[in-house]
Amino acid sequence: MKNLQVVIITGLSGSGKSTALRALEDIGFFCVANLPVVLLPKFLSITLESSPQIKQVAQVME
């Protein structure tokens, strides 16, 4: 099983979540915005199983 670095970004409207997500994407993170919280475990499971090249994931949640 591979190691997966996960960053979860939260904050109020206008707090810079999208800016932070773009910065992480620029340094190689696979980024997802506004995925419902209940889908996060399944998303991470699928990522671990089927995408060996993805080692860093960033997620914005409101």
N, C-alpha and C. Protein backbone atom coordinates (compact mmCIF):
# COMPACT_ATOMS: atom_id res chain seq x y z
N MET A 1 0.84 -1.18 0.00
CA MET A 1 0.00 0.00 0.00
C MET A 1 0.89 1.24 0.00
N LYS A 2 0.53 2.21 -0.79
CA LYS A 2 1.34 3.42 -0.88
C LYS A 2 0.92 4.44 0.17
N ASN A 3 1.83 5.37 0.44
CA ASN A 3 1.51 6.49 1.31
C ASN A 3 0.83 7.56 0.48
N LEU A 4 -0.21 8.14 1.04
CA LEU A 4 -0.94 9.20 0.35
C LEU A 4 -1.01 10.40 1.27
N GLN A 5 -0.48 11.53 0.82
CA GLN A 5 -0.55 12.76 1.59
C GLN A 5 -1.87 13.44 1.26
N VAL A 6 -2.67 13.73 2.28
CA VAL A 6 -3.98 14.35 2.09
C VAL A 6 -4.02 15.68 2.83
N VAL A 7 -4.41 16.73 2.11
CA VAL A 7 -4.59 18.06 2.69
C VAL A 7 -6.05 18.44 2.51
N ILE A 8 -6.70 18.80 3.62
CA ILE A 8 -8.09 19.25 3.56
C ILE A 8 -8.11 20.73 3.92
N ILE A 9 -8.68 21.53 3.03
CA ILE A 9 -8.75 22.98 3.21
C ILE A 9 -10.19 23.36 3.52
N THR A 10 -10.37 24.10 4.60
CA THR A 10 -11.70 24.57 4.97
C THR A 10 -11.62 26.06 5.27
N GLY A 11 -12.76 26.72 5.28
CA GLY A 11 -12.79 28.13 5.62
C GLY A 11 -14.07 28.78 5.15
N LEU A 12 -14.25 29.99 5.59
CA LEU A 12 -15.43 30.76 5.22
C LEU A 12 -15.29 31.30 3.80
N SER A 13 -16.38 31.78 3.26
CA SER A 13 -16.38 32.39 1.93
C SER A 13 -15.39 33.55 1.90
N GLY A 14 -14.56 33.58 0.88
CA GLY A 14 -13.59 34.67 0.73
C GLY A 14 -12.32 34.50 1.54
N SER A 15 -12.12 33.33 2.15
CA SER A 15 -10.96 33.14 3.01
C SER A 15 -9.71 32.66 2.27
N GLY A 16 -9.82 32.41 0.96
CA GLY A 16 -8.65 32.02 0.18
C GLY A 16 -8.52 30.53 -0.09
N LYS A 17 -9.61 29.79 0.08
CA LYS A 17 -9.56 28.34 -0.16
C LYS A 17 -9.16 28.03 -1.60
N SER A 18 -9.76 28.71 -2.56
CA SER A 18 -9.45 28.45 -3.97
C SER A 18 -8.02 28.83 -4.30
N THR A 19 -7.53 29.90 -3.71
CA THR A 19 -6.15 30.32 -3.93
C THR A 19 -5.19 29.27 -3.37
N ALA A 20 -5.48 28.77 -2.18
CA ALA A 20 -4.65 27.73 -1.57
C ALA A 20 -4.67 26.46 -2.42
N LEU A 21 -5.84 26.10 -2.92
CA LEU A 21 -5.96 24.90 -3.75
C LEU A 21 -5.15 25.04 -5.03
N ARG A 22 -5.20 26.21 -5.66
CA ARG A 22 -4.41 26.43 -6.89
C ARG A 22 -2.91 26.35 -6.60
N ALA A 23 -2.49 26.88 -5.45
CA ALA A 23 -1.07 26.81 -5.09
C ALA A 23 -0.63 25.36 -4.89
N LEU A 24 -1.46 24.56 -4.25
CA LEU A 24 -1.13 23.14 -4.08
C LEU A 24 -1.11 22.41 -5.41
N GLU A 25 -2.03 22.75 -6.29
CA GLU A 25 -2.05 22.14 -7.62
C GLU A 25 -0.77 22.48 -8.38
N ASP A 26 -0.29 23.71 -8.22
CA ASP A 26 0.94 24.14 -8.89
C ASP A 26 2.16 23.34 -8.45
N ILE A 27 2.13 22.81 -7.22
CA ILE A 27 3.29 22.04 -6.74
C ILE A 27 3.06 20.53 -6.83
N GLY A 28 2.02 20.13 -7.58
CA GLY A 28 1.88 18.72 -7.89
C GLY A 28 0.76 17.94 -7.21
N PHE A 29 -0.05 18.60 -6.42
CA PHE A 29 -1.17 17.91 -5.78
C PHE A 29 -2.29 17.67 -6.78
N PHE A 30 -2.99 16.54 -6.62
CA PHE A 30 -4.24 16.29 -7.34
C PHE A 30 -5.32 16.97 -6.50
N CYS A 31 -6.02 17.94 -7.09
CA CYS A 31 -6.93 18.78 -6.32
C CYS A 31 -8.38 18.57 -6.72
N VAL A 32 -9.25 18.59 -5.70
CA VAL A 32 -10.68 18.45 -5.89
C VAL A 32 -11.37 19.50 -5.03
N ALA A 33 -12.31 20.22 -5.63
CA ALA A 33 -13.05 21.24 -4.89
C ALA A 33 -14.48 20.80 -4.68
N ASN A 34 -14.95 21.02 -3.47
CA ASN A 34 -16.37 20.86 -3.11
C ASN A 34 -16.91 19.45 -3.27
N LEU A 35 -16.11 18.46 -3.02
CA LEU A 35 -16.59 17.09 -2.95
C LEU A 35 -17.34 16.94 -1.62
N PRO A 36 -18.55 16.38 -1.63
CA PRO A 36 -19.27 16.21 -0.36
C PRO A 36 -18.46 15.36 0.63
N VAL A 37 -18.52 15.73 1.89
CA VAL A 37 -17.75 15.06 2.93
C VAL A 37 -18.01 13.55 2.95
N VAL A 38 -19.24 13.14 2.73
CA VAL A 38 -19.57 11.71 2.78
C VAL A 38 -18.87 10.91 1.68
N LEU A 39 -18.44 11.57 0.61
CA LEU A 39 -17.76 10.88 -0.49
C LEU A 39 -16.24 10.82 -0.32
N LEU A 40 -15.69 11.53 0.65
CA LEU A 40 -14.24 11.58 0.82
C LEU A 40 -13.62 10.19 1.05
N PRO A 41 -14.14 9.36 1.95
CA PRO A 41 -13.52 8.04 2.13
C PRO A 41 -13.51 7.20 0.84
N LYS A 42 -14.59 7.21 0.10
CA LYS A 42 -14.65 6.44 -1.15
C LYS A 42 -13.67 7.01 -2.18
N PHE A 43 -13.61 8.34 -2.28
CA PHE A 43 -12.68 8.99 -3.20
C PHE A 43 -11.24 8.59 -2.88
N LEU A 44 -10.87 8.62 -1.60
CA LEU A 44 -9.51 8.26 -1.21
C LEU A 44 -9.23 6.78 -1.48
N SER A 45 -10.20 5.94 -1.23
CA SER A 45 -10.06 4.52 -1.50
C SER A 45 -9.82 4.26 -2.99
N ILE A 46 -10.62 4.88 -3.82
CA ILE A 46 -10.46 4.72 -5.27
C ILE A 46 -9.10 5.26 -5.73
N THR A 47 -8.69 6.39 -5.17
CA THR A 47 -7.40 6.98 -5.53
C THR A 47 -6.26 6.03 -5.17
N LEU A 48 -6.31 5.44 -3.99
CA LEU A 48 -5.26 4.51 -3.56
C LEU A 48 -5.21 3.26 -4.44
N GLU A 49 -6.36 2.76 -4.82
CA GLU A 49 -6.43 1.51 -5.58
C GLU A 49 -6.10 1.66 -7.06
N SER A 50 -6.50 2.77 -7.66
CA SER A 50 -6.43 2.83 -9.12
C SER A 50 -5.51 3.89 -9.69
N SER A 51 -4.91 4.71 -8.87
CA SER A 51 -4.07 5.79 -9.39
C SER A 51 -2.72 5.80 -8.68
N PRO A 52 -1.82 4.88 -9.02
CA PRO A 52 -0.55 4.81 -8.31
C PRO A 52 0.33 6.04 -8.48
N GLN A 53 0.12 6.81 -9.53
CA GLN A 53 0.96 8.00 -9.73
C GLN A 53 0.54 9.17 -8.84
N ILE A 54 -0.66 9.11 -8.25
CA ILE A 54 -1.12 10.19 -7.37
C ILE A 54 -0.61 9.90 -5.96
N LYS A 55 0.20 10.82 -5.44
CA LYS A 55 0.77 10.66 -4.11
C LYS A 55 0.34 11.77 -3.15
N GLN A 56 -0.23 12.85 -3.70
CA GLN A 56 -0.66 13.99 -2.89
C GLN A 56 -2.03 14.44 -3.36
N VAL A 57 -2.96 14.58 -2.42
CA VAL A 57 -4.32 14.98 -2.73
C VAL A 57 -4.69 16.17 -1.86
N ALA A 58 -5.31 17.18 -2.45
CA ALA A 58 -5.83 18.32 -1.70
C ALA A 58 -7.32 18.44 -1.99
N GLN A 59 -8.09 18.75 -0.95
CA GLN A 59 -9.54 18.79 -1.05
C GLN A 59 -10.06 20.05 -0.35
N VAL A 60 -10.93 20.80 -1.03
CA VAL A 60 -11.60 21.93 -0.40
C VAL A 60 -12.97 21.48 0.06
N MET A 61 -13.27 21.77 1.33
CA MET A 61 -14.59 21.47 1.89
C MET A 61 -15.12 22.71 2.57
N GLU A 62 -16.40 22.94 2.37
CA GLU A 62 -17.01 24.12 3.00
C GLU A 62 -17.79 23.74 4.22
